[in-house]
Every structure is written in structure tokens, then in C-alpha cells.
N, C-alpha and C. Protein backbone atom coordinates (compact mmCIF):
# COMPACT_ATOMS: atom_id res chain seq x y z
N MET A 1 -32.55 1.01 165.08
CA MET A 1 -32.11 1.88 165.70
C MET A 1 -32.17 1.70 167.37
N ASN A 2 -30.55 1.38 167.33
CA ASN A 2 -30.24 1.30 169.11
C ASN A 2 -29.50 2.40 169.93
N VAL A 3 -30.21 2.49 170.99
CA VAL A 3 -30.00 3.26 171.82
C VAL A 3 -28.56 3.14 172.56
N HIS A 4 -27.70 4.31 172.81
CA HIS A 4 -26.58 4.04 173.37
C HIS A 4 -26.31 4.78 174.81
N GLN A 5 -25.53 4.54 175.73
CA GLN A 5 -25.46 5.35 176.67
C GLN A 5 -23.91 5.27 177.03
N THR A 6 -23.17 6.56 177.34
CA THR A 6 -21.89 6.56 177.42
C THR A 6 -21.35 7.68 178.40
N GLU A 7 -20.43 7.86 179.03
CA GLU A 7 -19.59 9.10 179.36
C GLU A 7 -19.22 9.92 178.43
N ALA A 8 -19.29 11.62 178.52
CA ALA A 8 -18.92 12.35 177.81
C ALA A 8 -18.16 13.67 178.44
N LEU A 9 -17.63 13.89 177.27
CA LEU A 9 -17.04 15.69 177.82
C LEU A 9 -17.37 16.62 176.38
N THR A 10 -17.99 17.39 176.78
CA THR A 10 -18.29 18.61 175.79
C THR A 10 -17.36 19.26 175.14
N LEU A 11 -16.70 19.18 173.80
CA LEU A 11 -15.84 19.66 173.31
C LEU A 11 -16.02 20.86 172.74
N LYS A 12 -17.22 20.63 171.91
CA LYS A 12 -17.55 22.10 171.12
C LYS A 12 -19.15 22.27 170.76
N THR A 13 -19.64 23.30 170.43
CA THR A 13 -21.23 23.36 169.99
C THR A 13 -21.31 24.08 169.17
N TYR A 14 -22.19 24.27 168.25
CA TYR A 14 -22.36 25.26 167.23
C TYR A 14 -23.91 25.19 166.98
N PRO A 15 -24.57 26.38 166.45
CA PRO A 15 -25.89 26.35 166.12
C PRO A 15 -26.35 25.65 164.92
N PHE A 16 -27.58 24.94 165.06
CA PHE A 16 -27.83 24.20 163.74
C PHE A 16 -29.47 24.45 163.67
N ALA A 17 -29.85 25.15 162.70
CA ALA A 17 -31.45 25.33 161.87
C ALA A 17 -31.67 26.23 163.08
N GLU A 18 -32.99 26.58 163.35
CA GLU A 18 -33.56 27.62 164.22
C GLU A 18 -33.19 27.28 165.41
N SER A 19 -33.34 26.10 166.06
CA SER A 19 -33.37 25.85 167.63
C SER A 19 -32.37 24.78 168.16
N ASN A 20 -32.01 24.46 167.21
CA ASN A 20 -31.04 23.00 167.62
C ASN A 20 -29.72 23.33 167.56
N ARG A 21 -28.78 22.55 168.26
CA ARG A 21 -27.09 22.74 168.21
C ARG A 21 -26.57 21.21 168.06
N ILE A 22 -25.63 21.56 167.39
CA ILE A 22 -24.59 20.35 166.93
C ILE A 22 -23.94 20.11 168.09
N VAL A 23 -23.30 19.17 168.69
CA VAL A 23 -22.54 19.00 169.75
C VAL A 23 -21.51 17.90 169.69
N VAL A 24 -20.34 18.29 169.70
CA VAL A 24 -19.20 17.18 169.56
C VAL A 24 -18.61 16.90 170.88
N TYR A 25 -18.82 15.73 171.17
CA TYR A 25 -18.22 14.92 172.26
C TYR A 25 -16.73 14.22 172.23
N LEU A 26 -16.32 14.02 173.61
CA LEU A 26 -15.20 12.91 173.44
C LEU A 26 -15.82 11.97 174.60
N THR A 27 -16.45 10.57 174.16
CA THR A 27 -16.96 9.83 174.64
C THR A 27 -16.18 8.72 175.48
N ARG A 28 -16.43 8.17 176.49
CA ARG A 28 -15.79 6.96 176.80
C ARG A 28 -15.38 5.86 176.26
N SER A 29 -17.06 5.54 175.22
CA SER A 29 -17.04 4.20 174.45
C SER A 29 -16.77 4.36 173.01
N TYR A 30 -17.23 5.81 172.66
CA TYR A 30 -17.53 5.83 171.36
C TYR A 30 -16.38 6.68 170.61
N GLY A 31 -15.43 7.34 171.03
CA GLY A 31 -14.54 8.15 170.62
C GLY A 31 -15.16 9.60 170.35
N LYS A 32 -14.84 10.16 169.36
CA LYS A 32 -15.34 11.65 168.91
C LYS A 32 -17.01 11.12 168.44
N LEU A 33 -17.85 11.83 168.87
CA LEU A 33 -19.19 11.59 168.56
C LEU A 33 -19.81 13.15 168.41
N ARG A 34 -20.42 13.19 167.03
CA ARG A 34 -21.25 14.19 166.66
C ARG A 34 -22.63 14.05 166.88
N GLY A 35 -23.39 14.75 167.35
CA GLY A 35 -24.99 14.81 167.50
C GLY A 35 -25.73 15.83 167.37
N VAL A 36 -27.01 15.78 167.18
CA VAL A 36 -27.72 16.96 167.20
C VAL A 36 -28.54 16.85 168.53
N ALA A 37 -28.49 18.10 169.18
CA ALA A 37 -29.38 18.10 170.41
C ALA A 37 -30.69 19.09 170.31
N HIS A 38 -31.36 18.55 169.81
CA HIS A 38 -32.76 19.09 169.07
C HIS A 38 -33.39 20.19 170.49
N GLY A 39 -33.47 21.23 170.08
CA GLY A 39 -34.34 22.27 170.94
C GLY A 39 -33.16 22.71 171.97
N ALA A 40 -31.96 22.52 171.50
CA ALA A 40 -31.11 23.28 172.64
C ALA A 40 -30.94 24.66 172.52
N ARG A 41 -31.41 25.25 171.89
CA ARG A 41 -31.38 26.71 171.40
C ARG A 41 -32.42 27.29 172.56
N LYS A 42 -33.57 26.71 172.60
CA LYS A 42 -34.63 27.31 172.88
C LYS A 42 -34.09 27.96 174.52
N PRO A 43 -34.96 28.50 175.16
CA PRO A 43 -34.90 29.24 176.68
C PRO A 43 -34.92 27.93 177.57
N LYS A 44 -36.02 27.23 177.46
CA LYS A 44 -36.39 26.13 178.52
C LYS A 44 -35.83 24.83 177.78
N SER A 45 -34.79 24.62 177.12
CA SER A 45 -34.42 23.34 176.80
C SER A 45 -33.99 22.33 177.97
N ARG A 46 -34.54 21.10 177.46
CA ARG A 46 -34.17 20.10 178.66
C ARG A 46 -32.82 19.98 178.68
N PHE A 47 -31.85 20.63 177.78
CA PHE A 47 -30.42 20.29 177.84
C PHE A 47 -29.64 21.18 178.89
N GLY A 48 -30.71 22.21 179.44
CA GLY A 48 -29.91 23.03 180.29
C GLY A 48 -28.60 23.50 180.05
N SER A 49 -27.89 23.31 180.98
CA SER A 49 -26.42 23.53 180.58
C SER A 49 -25.53 22.71 180.63
N SER A 50 -26.18 21.40 180.25
CA SER A 50 -25.42 20.05 180.23
C SER A 50 -24.18 20.47 179.04
N LEU A 51 -24.60 21.12 177.88
CA LEU A 51 -23.58 21.56 176.78
C LEU A 51 -22.67 22.19 176.91
N GLU A 52 -22.50 23.14 178.16
CA GLU A 52 -21.39 24.02 178.66
C GLU A 52 -19.87 23.13 178.09
N LEU A 53 -19.21 24.12 177.67
CA LEU A 53 -17.81 23.29 177.34
C LEU A 53 -17.17 22.55 178.73
N LEU A 54 -16.63 21.24 178.02
CA LEU A 54 -15.89 20.38 179.06
C LEU A 54 -16.79 19.68 180.28
N THR A 55 -18.12 20.15 180.28
CA THR A 55 -19.03 19.53 181.06
C THR A 55 -18.97 17.98 181.06
N HIS A 56 -18.73 17.16 182.06
CA HIS A 56 -18.63 15.77 182.38
C HIS A 56 -20.34 15.18 182.34
N SER A 57 -20.66 14.64 181.30
CA SER A 57 -22.32 14.05 181.42
C SER A 57 -22.09 12.46 181.21
N ARG A 58 -23.58 12.06 181.58
CA ARG A 58 -24.17 10.83 181.36
C ARG A 58 -24.95 11.06 180.00
N LEU A 59 -24.43 10.45 178.79
CA LEU A 59 -24.93 10.63 177.57
C LEU A 59 -25.95 9.54 176.98
N VAL A 60 -27.00 9.64 176.49
CA VAL A 60 -28.31 8.63 175.77
C VAL A 60 -28.25 9.28 174.39
N PHE A 61 -27.77 8.44 173.70
CA PHE A 61 -28.05 8.71 172.05
C PHE A 61 -28.35 7.50 171.32
N TYR A 62 -28.85 8.19 170.03
CA TYR A 62 -29.11 7.04 168.96
C TYR A 62 -28.66 7.71 167.47
N ARG A 63 -28.51 6.69 166.68
CA ARG A 63 -27.99 7.16 165.42
C ARG A 63 -28.82 6.12 164.50
N LYS A 64 -29.71 6.91 163.31
CA LYS A 64 -30.28 6.48 162.50
C LYS A 64 -29.42 5.70 161.37
N GLU A 65 -29.86 4.79 160.71
CA GLU A 65 -29.25 4.17 159.63
C GLU A 65 -28.49 5.12 158.37
N HIS A 66 -27.24 5.06 158.03
CA HIS A 66 -26.83 6.15 157.27
C HIS A 66 -27.04 7.57 157.40
N GLN A 67 -27.09 7.80 158.55
CA GLN A 67 -27.05 9.35 159.05
C GLN A 67 -25.93 9.31 159.96
N GLU A 68 -24.94 10.56 159.31
CA GLU A 68 -23.51 10.79 160.09
C GLU A 68 -23.83 11.47 161.60
N LEU A 69 -24.91 12.29 162.03
CA LEU A 69 -24.89 12.76 163.19
C LEU A 69 -25.84 11.91 163.81
N ALA A 70 -25.54 11.92 165.03
CA ALA A 70 -26.39 11.09 166.49
C ALA A 70 -27.55 12.01 166.44
N VAL A 71 -28.34 11.58 167.48
CA VAL A 71 -29.50 12.15 167.77
C VAL A 71 -29.16 12.12 169.34
N ILE A 72 -28.92 13.40 169.90
CA ILE A 72 -28.62 13.21 171.71
C ILE A 72 -30.09 13.39 172.29
N GLN A 73 -30.56 12.38 173.04
CA GLN A 73 -31.73 12.39 173.86
C GLN A 73 -31.69 12.89 175.03
N SER A 74 -30.32 12.68 175.77
CA SER A 74 -30.38 13.31 177.17
C SER A 74 -28.78 13.49 177.01
N ALA A 75 -28.41 14.38 178.18
CA ALA A 75 -27.37 14.45 178.84
C ALA A 75 -27.30 14.95 180.28
N GLU A 76 -27.12 13.86 181.12
CA GLU A 76 -27.27 14.27 182.41
C GLU A 76 -25.90 14.63 182.90
N ILE A 77 -25.80 15.78 183.55
CA ILE A 77 -24.52 16.43 184.55
C ILE A 77 -23.82 15.90 185.62
N ILE A 78 -22.71 15.47 185.36
CA ILE A 78 -21.99 14.41 186.44
C ILE A 78 -21.26 15.48 186.91
N LYS A 79 -20.39 16.46 186.42
CA LYS A 79 -20.03 17.16 186.90
C LYS A 79 -19.67 18.70 185.78
N ALA A 80 -19.77 19.69 186.58
CA ALA A 80 -19.72 21.02 185.30
C ALA A 80 -18.54 21.68 185.91
N PHE A 81 -17.78 22.69 185.15
CA PHE A 81 -16.86 23.62 184.88
C PHE A 81 -17.35 24.80 184.89
N PRO A 82 -18.36 25.44 185.32
CA PRO A 82 -18.81 26.64 184.72
C PRO A 82 -17.85 27.92 184.93
N PRO A 83 -17.79 28.54 183.67
CA PRO A 83 -16.97 29.56 183.19
C PRO A 83 -16.59 30.57 184.14
N TYR A 84 -17.70 31.15 184.94
CA TYR A 84 -17.91 31.93 185.63
C TYR A 84 -17.23 31.78 186.87
N GLU A 85 -17.17 30.56 187.20
CA GLU A 85 -16.35 30.25 188.47
C GLU A 85 -14.71 30.08 188.15
N LEU A 86 -14.41 30.24 187.31
CA LEU A 86 -12.95 29.97 186.81
C LEU A 86 -12.25 31.34 186.55
N SER A 87 -10.99 31.27 186.77
CA SER A 87 -9.98 32.50 186.17
C SER A 87 -10.12 32.83 184.75
N TRP A 88 -9.47 33.90 184.46
CA TRP A 88 -9.30 34.04 182.95
C TRP A 88 -8.15 33.14 182.60
N GLU A 89 -7.48 32.81 183.07
CA GLU A 89 -6.41 32.09 182.79
C GLU A 89 -6.71 30.63 182.64
N VAL A 90 -7.53 30.20 183.52
CA VAL A 90 -8.24 28.79 183.41
C VAL A 90 -9.06 28.67 182.46
N ASN A 91 -9.82 29.59 182.04
CA ASN A 91 -10.94 29.58 181.00
C ASN A 91 -10.07 29.59 179.54
N LEU A 92 -9.01 30.25 179.42
CA LEU A 92 -8.23 30.28 178.26
C LEU A 92 -7.57 28.94 178.15
N HIS A 93 -6.93 28.20 179.36
CA HIS A 93 -6.51 26.77 179.04
C HIS A 93 -7.78 25.79 178.61
N PHE A 94 -8.70 25.89 179.45
CA PHE A 94 -9.87 24.99 179.23
C PHE A 94 -10.01 25.04 177.88
N ASN A 95 -10.58 26.38 177.30
CA ASN A 95 -10.65 26.18 175.68
C ASN A 95 -9.31 25.37 175.08
N TYR A 96 -8.21 25.65 175.33
CA TYR A 96 -7.18 25.18 174.58
C TYR A 96 -7.21 23.39 174.69
N PHE A 97 -7.62 23.14 175.91
CA PHE A 97 -7.71 21.33 176.23
C PHE A 97 -8.91 21.06 175.49
N ALA A 98 -9.97 21.71 175.26
CA ALA A 98 -11.13 21.20 174.44
C ALA A 98 -10.65 21.04 173.17
N GLU A 99 -9.89 22.19 172.59
CA GLU A 99 -9.49 21.76 171.05
C GLU A 99 -8.48 20.88 170.78
N LEU A 100 -7.47 20.39 172.02
CA LEU A 100 -6.37 19.65 171.77
C LEU A 100 -7.12 18.29 171.70
N LEU A 101 -8.09 18.10 172.66
CA LEU A 101 -8.81 16.77 172.71
C LEU A 101 -9.73 16.26 171.68
N LEU A 102 -10.44 17.77 170.85
CA LEU A 102 -11.07 17.48 169.70
C LEU A 102 -9.89 17.08 168.69
N GLU A 103 -9.04 17.50 168.62
CA GLU A 103 -7.95 17.28 167.22
C GLU A 103 -7.37 15.69 167.44
N CYS A 104 -7.66 15.23 168.78
CA CYS A 104 -6.61 14.15 168.92
C CYS A 104 -7.70 12.93 169.10
N SER A 105 -8.94 13.38 169.22
CA SER A 105 -9.59 12.11 169.16
C SER A 105 -10.37 11.66 167.73
N ARG A 106 -10.59 10.36 167.70
CA ARG A 106 -11.15 9.99 166.21
C ARG A 106 -12.51 9.37 166.44
N GLU A 107 -13.60 9.49 165.66
CA GLU A 107 -14.90 8.97 165.48
C GLU A 107 -14.90 7.31 165.44
N GLU A 108 -15.86 7.08 165.96
CA GLU A 108 -15.88 5.64 165.89
C GLU A 108 -14.58 4.85 166.55
N GLU A 109 -13.68 5.31 167.08
CA GLU A 109 -12.70 4.33 167.91
C GLU A 109 -12.58 4.62 169.23
N GLU A 110 -12.54 3.66 169.86
CA GLU A 110 -12.68 3.47 171.60
C GLU A 110 -11.67 4.63 172.18
N SER A 111 -11.85 5.27 172.99
CA SER A 111 -10.89 6.38 173.24
C SER A 111 -10.96 6.11 175.28
N GLU A 112 -11.06 5.10 175.61
CA GLU A 112 -10.98 5.14 177.12
C GLU A 112 -9.85 5.79 177.84
N ASN A 113 -8.45 5.60 177.16
CA ASN A 113 -7.22 6.36 177.76
C ASN A 113 -7.28 8.02 177.69
N LEU A 114 -8.02 8.37 176.57
CA LEU A 114 -8.04 9.79 176.30
C LEU A 114 -9.06 10.30 176.98
N PHE A 115 -10.28 9.83 177.09
CA PHE A 115 -11.28 10.47 178.05
C PHE A 115 -10.52 10.32 179.25
N ARG A 116 -10.35 9.04 180.10
CA ARG A 116 -9.58 9.14 181.49
C ARG A 116 -8.73 10.20 181.61
N LEU A 117 -7.53 10.45 180.66
CA LEU A 117 -6.82 11.50 180.95
C LEU A 117 -7.54 12.75 180.93
N GLY A 118 -8.32 13.24 179.98
CA GLY A 118 -9.05 14.66 179.79
C GLY A 118 -9.55 14.85 181.09
N LEU A 119 -10.69 13.76 181.57
CA LEU A 119 -11.22 13.87 183.05
C LEU A 119 -10.45 14.22 183.99
N ALA A 120 -9.30 13.21 184.05
CA ALA A 120 -8.55 13.37 185.38
C ALA A 120 -7.58 14.82 185.31
N VAL A 121 -7.56 15.57 184.33
CA VAL A 121 -6.70 16.76 184.24
C VAL A 121 -7.84 17.66 184.82
N LEU A 122 -9.20 17.51 184.17
CA LEU A 122 -10.66 18.49 184.68
C LEU A 122 -10.66 18.41 186.04
N ASP A 123 -10.29 17.16 186.61
CA ASP A 123 -10.56 17.06 188.13
C ASP A 123 -9.61 17.64 189.18
N ALA A 124 -8.47 17.95 188.55
CA ALA A 124 -7.39 18.36 189.43
C ALA A 124 -7.51 19.71 189.24
N SER A 125 -8.05 20.42 188.25
CA SER A 125 -7.65 21.78 188.11
C SER A 125 -8.33 22.45 189.16
N SER A 126 -9.11 22.23 190.06
CA SER A 126 -9.17 23.54 191.16
C SER A 126 -8.37 23.40 192.43
N SER A 127 -7.03 22.21 192.00
CA SER A 127 -6.14 22.19 193.09
C SER A 127 -4.64 22.44 192.47
N VAL A 128 -4.44 22.00 191.18
CA VAL A 128 -3.32 22.08 190.43
C VAL A 128 -2.56 23.28 189.72
N PRO A 129 -1.84 23.98 189.89
CA PRO A 129 -1.68 24.66 188.72
C PRO A 129 -1.83 24.84 187.29
N ILE A 130 -2.61 25.77 186.86
CA ILE A 130 -3.16 25.35 185.45
C ILE A 130 -1.63 24.93 184.34
N LEU A 131 -0.77 25.78 184.53
CA LEU A 131 0.48 25.73 183.67
C LEU A 131 1.17 24.50 183.80
N VAL A 132 0.98 23.71 185.22
CA VAL A 132 1.30 22.25 185.19
C VAL A 132 0.59 21.09 184.87
N LEU A 133 -0.70 21.32 184.62
CA LEU A 133 -1.86 20.70 184.11
C LEU A 133 -1.40 20.77 182.47
N ALA A 134 -1.51 21.89 181.99
CA ALA A 134 -1.42 21.63 180.73
C ALA A 134 -0.23 21.05 180.17
N ARG A 135 0.96 21.08 180.57
CA ARG A 135 2.32 20.53 180.28
C ARG A 135 1.74 19.12 180.60
N TYR A 136 1.29 18.53 181.69
CA TYR A 136 0.83 17.07 181.85
C TYR A 136 0.09 16.59 180.83
N LEU A 137 -1.05 17.36 180.44
CA LEU A 137 -1.99 16.76 179.22
C LEU A 137 -1.07 16.79 177.89
N GLU A 138 -0.41 17.55 177.77
CA GLU A 138 0.24 17.63 176.64
C GLU A 138 1.00 16.51 176.05
N LEU A 139 2.06 16.40 177.22
CA LEU A 139 3.06 15.08 177.28
C LEU A 139 2.06 13.79 177.35
N TRP A 140 0.98 13.55 177.77
CA TRP A 140 0.42 12.35 177.79
C TRP A 140 -0.18 12.00 176.47
N ILE A 141 -0.70 13.25 176.23
CA ILE A 141 -1.52 13.22 174.41
C ILE A 141 -0.18 12.75 173.43
N LEU A 142 0.56 13.67 173.91
CA LEU A 142 1.78 13.31 172.88
C LEU A 142 2.19 11.70 173.11
N LYS A 143 2.11 10.79 174.25
CA LYS A 143 2.73 9.57 174.40
C LYS A 143 1.48 8.87 173.89
N LEU A 144 0.15 9.13 174.11
CA LEU A 144 -1.17 8.18 173.42
C LEU A 144 -0.80 8.05 171.91
N GLU A 145 -0.61 9.25 171.40
CA GLU A 145 -0.23 9.31 170.03
C GLU A 145 0.66 8.73 169.35
N GLY A 146 2.02 8.59 170.37
CA GLY A 146 2.88 7.87 169.69
C GLY A 146 4.03 8.66 169.18
N VAL A 147 4.07 9.83 169.43
CA VAL A 147 4.96 10.57 169.31
C VAL A 147 5.63 11.44 170.18
N LEU A 148 5.69 10.88 171.60
CA LEU A 148 6.64 11.43 172.32
C LEU A 148 7.96 11.10 172.32
N PRO A 149 8.93 12.28 172.19
CA PRO A 149 10.28 11.67 171.75
C PRO A 149 10.85 11.06 172.89
N ASN A 150 12.49 10.55 172.59
CA ASN A 150 13.14 10.10 173.42
C ASN A 150 13.49 11.37 174.61
N LEU A 151 13.03 11.06 175.71
CA LEU A 151 13.30 12.18 176.89
C LEU A 151 14.54 12.57 176.95
N GLU A 152 15.75 11.60 176.98
CA GLU A 152 17.02 12.25 177.37
C GLU A 152 17.58 13.03 176.03
N GLN A 153 17.04 12.77 174.87
CA GLN A 153 17.55 13.45 173.70
C GLN A 153 16.73 14.68 173.69
N ALA A 154 15.43 14.74 173.90
CA ALA A 154 14.77 15.97 174.01
C ALA A 154 14.93 16.98 174.71
N LEU A 155 14.97 16.35 176.01
CA LEU A 155 15.12 17.26 177.29
C LEU A 155 16.17 16.58 178.26
N PRO A 156 17.60 16.96 177.61
CA PRO A 156 18.68 16.79 178.54
C PRO A 156 18.72 17.69 179.75
N GLY A 157 18.77 16.78 180.88
CA GLY A 157 18.68 17.41 182.22
C GLY A 157 17.44 17.37 182.84
N LEU A 158 16.21 17.21 181.89
CA LEU A 158 14.69 17.26 182.48
C LEU A 158 14.14 16.26 182.73
N SER A 159 14.95 15.14 181.98
CA SER A 159 14.08 13.96 181.41
C SER A 159 13.70 12.93 182.76
N GLU A 160 14.34 12.81 183.82
CA GLU A 160 13.93 12.44 185.29
C GLU A 160 12.56 13.01 186.07
N LYS A 161 12.88 14.64 185.50
CA LYS A 161 11.87 14.98 186.19
C LYS A 161 10.37 14.91 185.30
N VAL A 162 10.55 14.98 184.22
CA VAL A 162 9.22 14.73 183.42
C VAL A 162 8.78 13.40 183.55
N ARG A 163 9.53 12.27 183.89
CA ARG A 163 8.94 11.03 184.06
C ARG A 163 8.32 11.00 185.37
N ALA A 164 8.79 11.82 186.39
CA ALA A 164 8.17 11.73 187.51
C ALA A 164 6.76 12.59 187.67
N LEU A 165 6.74 13.48 186.45
CA LEU A 165 5.56 14.12 186.37
C LEU A 165 4.41 13.32 185.78
N MET A 166 4.55 12.47 184.87
CA MET A 166 3.80 11.69 184.36
C MET A 166 3.82 10.25 184.87
N ARG A 167 4.31 10.37 186.01
CA ARG A 167 4.25 8.81 186.41
C ARG A 167 2.85 8.90 187.43
N VAL A 168 2.50 10.04 187.92
CA VAL A 168 1.34 10.33 188.89
C VAL A 168 0.11 10.80 188.43
N HIS A 169 -0.90 10.32 189.18
CA HIS A 169 -2.31 10.89 188.69
C HIS A 169 -2.05 12.40 188.83
N PRO A 170 -2.81 13.00 187.94
CA PRO A 170 -2.78 14.61 188.17
C PRO A 170 -3.06 15.43 189.48
N THR A 171 -4.12 14.56 190.16
CA THR A 171 -4.44 15.22 191.44
C THR A 171 -3.30 15.19 192.28
N GLU A 172 -2.32 14.64 191.86
CA GLU A 172 -1.05 14.51 193.07
C GLU A 172 0.00 15.69 192.81
N LEU A 173 -0.21 16.23 191.79
CA LEU A 173 0.67 17.38 191.34
C LEU A 173 0.65 18.65 192.10
N VAL A 174 -0.14 18.19 193.05
CA VAL A 174 -0.44 19.89 194.04
C VAL A 174 0.97 20.14 194.44
N THR A 175 1.71 19.30 194.92
CA THR A 175 2.94 19.97 195.34
C THR A 175 4.21 19.47 194.26
N PHE A 176 4.20 19.46 193.00
CA PHE A 176 4.69 19.11 192.15
C PHE A 176 5.65 20.42 191.73
N GLU A 177 6.68 20.66 191.78
CA GLU A 177 7.42 21.69 191.46
C GLU A 177 7.83 21.84 190.19
N LEU A 178 7.43 22.84 189.21
CA LEU A 178 8.36 23.18 188.06
C LEU A 178 8.60 24.70 188.05
N SER A 179 9.88 24.80 187.80
CA SER A 179 10.25 26.39 187.61
C SER A 179 9.61 27.03 186.41
N ALA A 180 9.71 28.38 186.24
CA ALA A 180 8.87 29.04 185.03
C ALA A 180 9.78 28.55 183.94
N GLU A 181 10.97 28.70 184.01
CA GLU A 181 11.79 28.36 183.01
C GLU A 181 11.59 26.65 182.43
N GLU A 182 11.49 25.91 183.39
CA GLU A 182 11.04 24.24 182.88
C GLU A 182 9.88 24.45 182.54
N ILE A 183 8.97 25.29 182.68
CA ILE A 183 7.50 24.98 182.21
C ILE A 183 7.42 25.58 180.59
N LYS A 184 8.42 26.82 180.48
CA LYS A 184 8.67 27.24 179.16
C LYS A 184 9.07 26.28 178.36
N VAL A 185 10.04 25.45 178.74
CA VAL A 185 10.98 24.56 177.57
C VAL A 185 9.98 23.41 177.43
N LEU A 186 9.13 22.85 178.41
CA LEU A 186 8.39 21.84 178.16
C LEU A 186 6.82 22.32 177.22
N GLU A 187 6.74 23.54 177.02
CA GLU A 187 5.87 24.04 176.41
C GLU A 187 6.16 24.08 175.24
N ARG A 188 7.43 24.81 175.02
CA ARG A 188 8.07 24.94 173.58
C ARG A 188 8.02 23.72 172.88
N LEU A 189 8.46 22.29 173.74
CA LEU A 189 8.78 21.30 173.09
C LEU A 189 7.25 20.63 172.50
N ALA A 190 6.28 20.73 173.28
CA ALA A 190 4.97 20.31 172.93
C ALA A 190 4.18 21.04 171.99
N ALA A 191 4.49 21.97 172.07
CA ALA A 191 3.87 23.24 171.02
C ALA A 191 4.30 22.65 169.55
N ASN A 192 5.88 22.56 169.60
CA ASN A 192 6.14 22.28 168.21
C ASN A 192 6.02 20.74 167.79
N LEU A 193 5.72 19.63 168.81
CA LEU A 193 5.44 18.39 168.54
C LEU A 193 4.07 18.10 167.99
N ILE A 194 3.13 18.79 168.82
CA ILE A 194 1.65 18.92 168.49
C ILE A 194 1.18 19.50 167.14
N GLU A 195 1.88 20.57 166.92
CA GLU A 195 1.75 21.14 165.72
C GLU A 195 2.03 20.51 164.46
N SER A 196 3.67 19.88 164.31
CA SER A 196 4.02 18.81 163.42
C SER A 196 3.36 17.73 163.49
N HIS A 197 2.42 17.04 164.43
CA HIS A 197 1.46 15.97 164.41
C HIS A 197 0.37 16.13 163.77
N LEU A 198 -0.44 17.32 164.12
CA LEU A 198 -1.53 17.80 163.53
C LEU A 198 -1.31 18.58 162.32
N GLU A 199 -0.25 18.74 161.97
CA GLU A 199 0.05 19.78 160.78
C GLU A 199 -0.84 20.85 160.60
N LYS A 200 -0.83 21.78 161.70
CA LYS A 200 -1.68 22.90 161.83
C LYS A 200 -1.61 23.28 163.33
N ARG A 201 -1.60 24.70 163.55
CA ARG A 201 -1.39 25.21 164.81
C ARG A 201 -2.77 25.51 165.48
N LEU A 202 -3.12 24.98 166.80
CA LEU A 202 -4.59 24.90 167.00
C LEU A 202 -4.75 26.78 167.48
N LYS A 203 -5.97 27.17 167.41
CA LYS A 203 -6.21 28.66 167.46
C LYS A 203 -5.94 28.88 168.76
N SER A 204 -6.39 27.86 169.76
CA SER A 204 -6.49 28.26 171.10
C SER A 204 -5.13 28.67 171.91
N ARG A 205 -4.22 27.56 171.05
CA ARG A 205 -2.92 27.45 171.43
C ARG A 205 -2.28 29.04 171.22
N ALA A 206 -2.25 29.75 169.82
CA ALA A 206 -1.97 30.85 169.57
C ALA A 206 -2.70 31.84 170.17
N LEU A 207 -3.76 31.78 170.88
CA LEU A 207 -4.23 32.92 171.78
C LEU A 207 -3.83 32.72 173.36
N LEU A 208 -3.58 31.42 173.65
CA LEU A 208 -2.48 31.57 174.65
C LEU A 208 -1.23 32.36 174.79
N SER A 209 -0.59 31.79 173.33
CA SER A 209 0.75 32.58 173.33
C SER A 209 0.71 34.35 173.34
N GLN A 210 -0.45 34.67 172.79
CA GLN A 210 -0.63 36.07 172.71
C GLN A 210 -1.02 36.81 173.98
N LEU A 211 -2.02 36.05 174.92
CA LEU A 211 -2.47 36.52 175.79
C LEU A 211 -1.74 36.41 177.18
N LEU A 212 -0.85 35.36 177.34
CA LEU A 212 -0.47 34.96 178.42
C LEU A 212 1.08 34.88 178.35
């Protein structure tokens, strides 16, 4: 039984047995990881708020032979994004970001690029408009998945601006200008490509369409 340590983003949690939670992480070194956090539902759980959505933590876990789920020993918070500190619109988008990362990550597969992308977008969320960040995340995920189309053909008249958007770190997008119409064009393109690639529509994407 080997103990492992890695950085992780919390993508999803759900109850398991009387006092536990199953947690799904995007990790820097091990791809998507599913593990049991024993006692996480107890009032004085050692996990505290480390299992909140998209929390960046330093994870220690082990997996017994022939067991599908890892056992989460500890999750030390590096940076958190408490929902009560975020606007309604940002919270909705964070749920979308988490589901998108969940669906596009793979278990037991190194995911350094996807992890760094997700973390960079989250770090930029305090200063960059969330609609711009959403388009940035979608475009880069499409590129990492190998399904980003030829920009001149897919986005005539907008391709150079999209390249400029994708060339910079997300924290540098504070002054990057996208019109409401340009955001809509990119949103429609990304939504169609992601739905086609995943062969389903994300629930959080549908909710965003209804509410915003």
C-alpha cells in the first residue's frame, strides 16, 4: 500500500454510507481521482471545508490493491473559493467549470496541462470577467482534447482575436475586450463542439443557458 501526495481540485462530492463522502478530484499527477473521505460528514470532520467545490488542496491518499476507490488521508487547503464570497453568476459558472473539468479528465492519466489550466482560470476569477474566462477555458479544453477547429473557417473575422485571447495567461485578460456579440459567438461554437465531443449536454451548461 503506497501513500501518494499531489495537488488537486475538488470537482464533486456525494454522501457515502452514514458519515463518509466520495470525492472526485482533478489531480496534477494522477488525472481524475475518486476517493473516500472517511468521516467527512461528521460535524467535526478533519476535512473541514477542504472538500468545497474547486478548492485547491494538497492531497494525501492511498489505494489498496484491487480497490477502485482511493482513501483520502488528508486534504490541506492551498486556496479556497467559498461560494458565499462569490456572486450568483460566478457560482453558476464555477459549477459549469467543475463539470467541464470532470467530463474532460481521465482516471489514471497524467493531467498536468488540464490541471494548470483549471487552476489558472480559478486564480484569475477575482479580477477577470467570468464570461471571458469561460470562453478561455472552453477554447483551451477543446484544444487539449484535439477538437478545436480551424479558426479561420469556424470564426471568420474573429480568428485573430481568439488567438490573442489564447496566447496569454488568464490573469492577463483583465483588460482584454470581447463584445457581448463576440462572447455569444464563442459561446455557441464551444457549446456545440463540447456537446458533440462528449456526446451529451452538460447539466450546468443547460442551467446557465436558462438563467443567464
